[in-house]
Amino acid sequence: RVQLVESGGDSVQAGGSLRLSCAASGDTSSFNVMAWFRQVPGKEREGVAAIYPGDDRKYYSDSGQGRFAISSGGAQNVYLDMNNLRPEDTGTYYCAARAATLSAVWSGRGLLEARQYSDWGQGTQVTVSS
């Protein structure tokens, strides 16, 4: 099994920045893609960004494109730099990992779909006030 531990969530004002971190342990050879999702009460978990550390390939949702940047520190750590935060970015942010086919990695297909991921962290709360 893979254990994922997120950190870095905080309460900030609109326009501020945060860096979320996720550290993986356990069977880290079992996955090749890591991603960030966020969820607010009453809504489905939404993909924000995904990364394939093998060649640093990155994918972003519309909500993450431009203001968020995903990066990796080797195959076991992933980060999400969030800039110019908005109140609508408020939510619980989850780190996830999966083993994706190379076809999915190259196309990005399914990499931001929560149902495709089997390993999840416990989440870290981000609150952005106006």
Protein backbone atom coordinates (compact mmCIF):
# COMPACT_ATOMS: atom_id res chain seq x y z
CA ARG A 1 0.00 0.00 0.00
CA VAL A 2 0.93 3.62 -0.47
CA GLN A 3 0.67 6.20 2.24
CA LEU A 4 0.24 9.83 1.23
CA VAL A 5 0.56 12.69 3.70
CA GLU A 6 -0.35 16.24 2.74
CA SER A 7 0.72 19.42 4.49
CA GLY A 8 0.75 23.14 3.91
CA GLY A 9 -2.91 24.02 4.08
CA ASP A 10 -3.73 27.28 5.81
CA SER A 11 -6.07 30.25 5.97
CA VAL A 12 -5.02 33.13 3.72
CA GLN A 13 -6.51 36.26 2.26
CA ALA A 14 -7.46 36.55 -1.36
CA GLY A 15 -4.41 37.23 -3.51
CA GLY A 16 -2.14 35.24 -1.24
CA SER A 17 -0.09 32.17 -1.98
CA LEU A 18 0.37 28.72 -0.51
CA ARG A 19 2.53 25.70 -1.17
CA LEU A 20 1.02 22.30 -0.52
CA SER A 21 3.28 19.30 -0.10
CA CYS A 22 2.61 15.60 -0.35
CA ALA A 23 5.01 12.89 0.77
CA ALA A 24 4.55 9.32 -0.36
CA SER A 25 5.80 6.25 1.46
CA GLY A 26 5.26 2.54 1.32
CA ASP A 27 5.12 0.84 -2.06
CA THR A 28 6.17 3.90 -4.06
CA SER A 29 6.98 1.76 -7.08
CA SER A 30 3.29 1.01 -7.51
CA PHE A 31 2.39 4.39 -9.00
CA ASN A 32 3.75 6.70 -11.67
CA VAL A 33 1.34 9.61 -11.56
CA MET A 34 0.52 11.93 -8.67
CA ALA A 35 -2.20 14.52 -8.59
CA TRP A 36 -3.96 17.12 -6.52
CA PHE A 37 -7.71 17.26 -6.07
CA ARG A 38 -9.90 19.54 -4.06
CA GLN A 39 -13.31 19.12 -2.57
CA VAL A 40 -15.87 21.33 -0.93
CA PRO A 41 -18.83 20.01 1.06
CA GLY A 42 -21.65 18.83 -1.13
CA LYS A 43 -19.57 18.68 -4.29
CA GLU A 44 -17.55 16.02 -6.03
CA ARG A 45 -13.82 15.86 -5.72
CA GLU A 46 -12.33 17.98 -8.50
CA GLY A 47 -8.99 17.40 -10.19
CA VAL A 48 -6.66 20.39 -10.08
CA ALA A 49 -3.33 19.18 -11.46
CA ALA A 50 -1.46 15.97 -12.22
CA ILE A 51 2.17 15.15 -12.88
CA TYR A 52 4.12 12.27 -14.36
CA PRO A 53 7.55 12.66 -12.73
CA GLY A 54 9.11 10.36 -15.30
CA ASP A 55 9.35 13.19 -17.80
CA ASP A 56 7.87 16.04 -15.76
CA ARG A 57 4.69 15.98 -17.83
CA LYS A 58 1.96 18.09 -16.23
CA TYR A 59 -1.76 18.52 -16.68
CA TYR A 60 -4.07 21.16 -15.24
CA SER A 61 -7.77 21.63 -15.01
CA ASP A 62 -9.24 24.94 -16.09
CA SER A 63 -9.42 25.96 -12.45
CA GLY A 64 -5.75 25.20 -11.89
CA GLN A 65 -4.29 26.50 -15.12
CA GLY A 66 -2.32 29.69 -14.80
CA ARG A 67 -2.38 30.23 -11.04
CA PHE A 68 -1.33 26.80 -9.81
CA ALA A 69 1.88 24.91 -10.50
CA ILE A 70 2.47 21.25 -9.77
CA SER A 71 5.98 19.91 -9.33
CA SER A 72 7.68 16.82 -8.02
CA GLY A 73 10.69 16.14 -5.83
CA GLY A 74 11.69 12.80 -7.20
CA ALA A 75 9.06 10.10 -7.41
CA GLN A 76 7.92 10.38 -3.81
CA ASN A 77 7.03 14.00 -3.32
CA VAL A 78 4.67 16.32 -5.09
CA TYR A 79 3.96 19.96 -4.53
CA LEU A 80 1.25 22.41 -5.51
CA ASP A 81 2.17 26.08 -5.61
CA MET A 82 -0.96 28.19 -5.54
CA ASN A 83 -0.79 31.89 -6.34
CA ASN A 84 -3.32 34.70 -6.46
CA LEU A 85 -5.71 32.62 -4.42
CA ARG A 86 -9.41 33.31 -4.63
CA PRO A 87 -12.23 32.53 -2.18
CA GLU A 88 -13.49 29.89 -4.60
CA ASP A 89 -10.21 28.01 -4.12
CA THR A 90 -11.34 27.19 -0.59
CA GLY A 91 -11.63 23.48 0.07
CA THR A 92 -9.89 20.36 1.25
CA TYR A 93 -6.98 19.49 -0.99
CA TYR A 94 -6.09 15.85 -1.46
CA CYS A 95 -3.00 14.21 -2.86
CA ALA A 96 -3.55 11.06 -4.89
CA ALA A 97 -1.43 8.51 -6.72
CA ARG A 98 -2.08 5.91 -9.38
CA ALA A 99 -0.45 3.66 -11.90
CA ALA A 100 -1.37 5.03 -15.30
CA THR A 101 -0.72 3.56 -18.70
CA LEU A 102 1.72 5.42 -20.91
CA SER A 103 -1.15 6.12 -23.26
CA ALA A 104 -2.99 7.91 -20.46
CA VAL A 105 0.17 9.76 -19.46
CA TRP A 106 0.81 11.01 -22.99
CA SER A 107 -2.79 12.01 -23.63
CA GLY A 108 -3.72 13.17 -20.13
CA ARG A 109 -6.91 11.19 -20.41
CA GLY A 110 -8.37 10.42 -16.99
CA LEU A 111 -5.48 11.91 -15.03
CA LEU A 112 -7.78 14.46 -13.39
CA GLU A 113 -10.61 12.05 -12.67
CA ALA A 114 -10.90 11.09 -9.01
CA ARG A 115 -12.41 7.70 -9.80
CA GLN A 116 -9.19 6.67 -11.53
CA TYR A 117 -7.16 6.96 -8.33
CA SER A 118 -6.93 4.35 -5.61
CA ASP A 119 -4.48 5.90 -3.16
CA TRP A 120 -5.37 9.08 -1.29
CA GLY A 121 -4.05 11.24 1.48
CA GLN A 122 -6.12 12.53 4.35
CA GLY A 123 -6.40 16.05 2.93
CA THR A 124 -5.27 19.49 3.98
CA GLN A 125 -7.61 22.45 4.38
CA VAL A 126 -7.19 25.64 2.40
CA THR A 127 -9.36 28.60 3.30
CA VAL A 128 -9.24 31.82 1.30
CA SER A 129 -11.04 34.83 2.69
CA SER A 130 -12.06 37.89 0.71
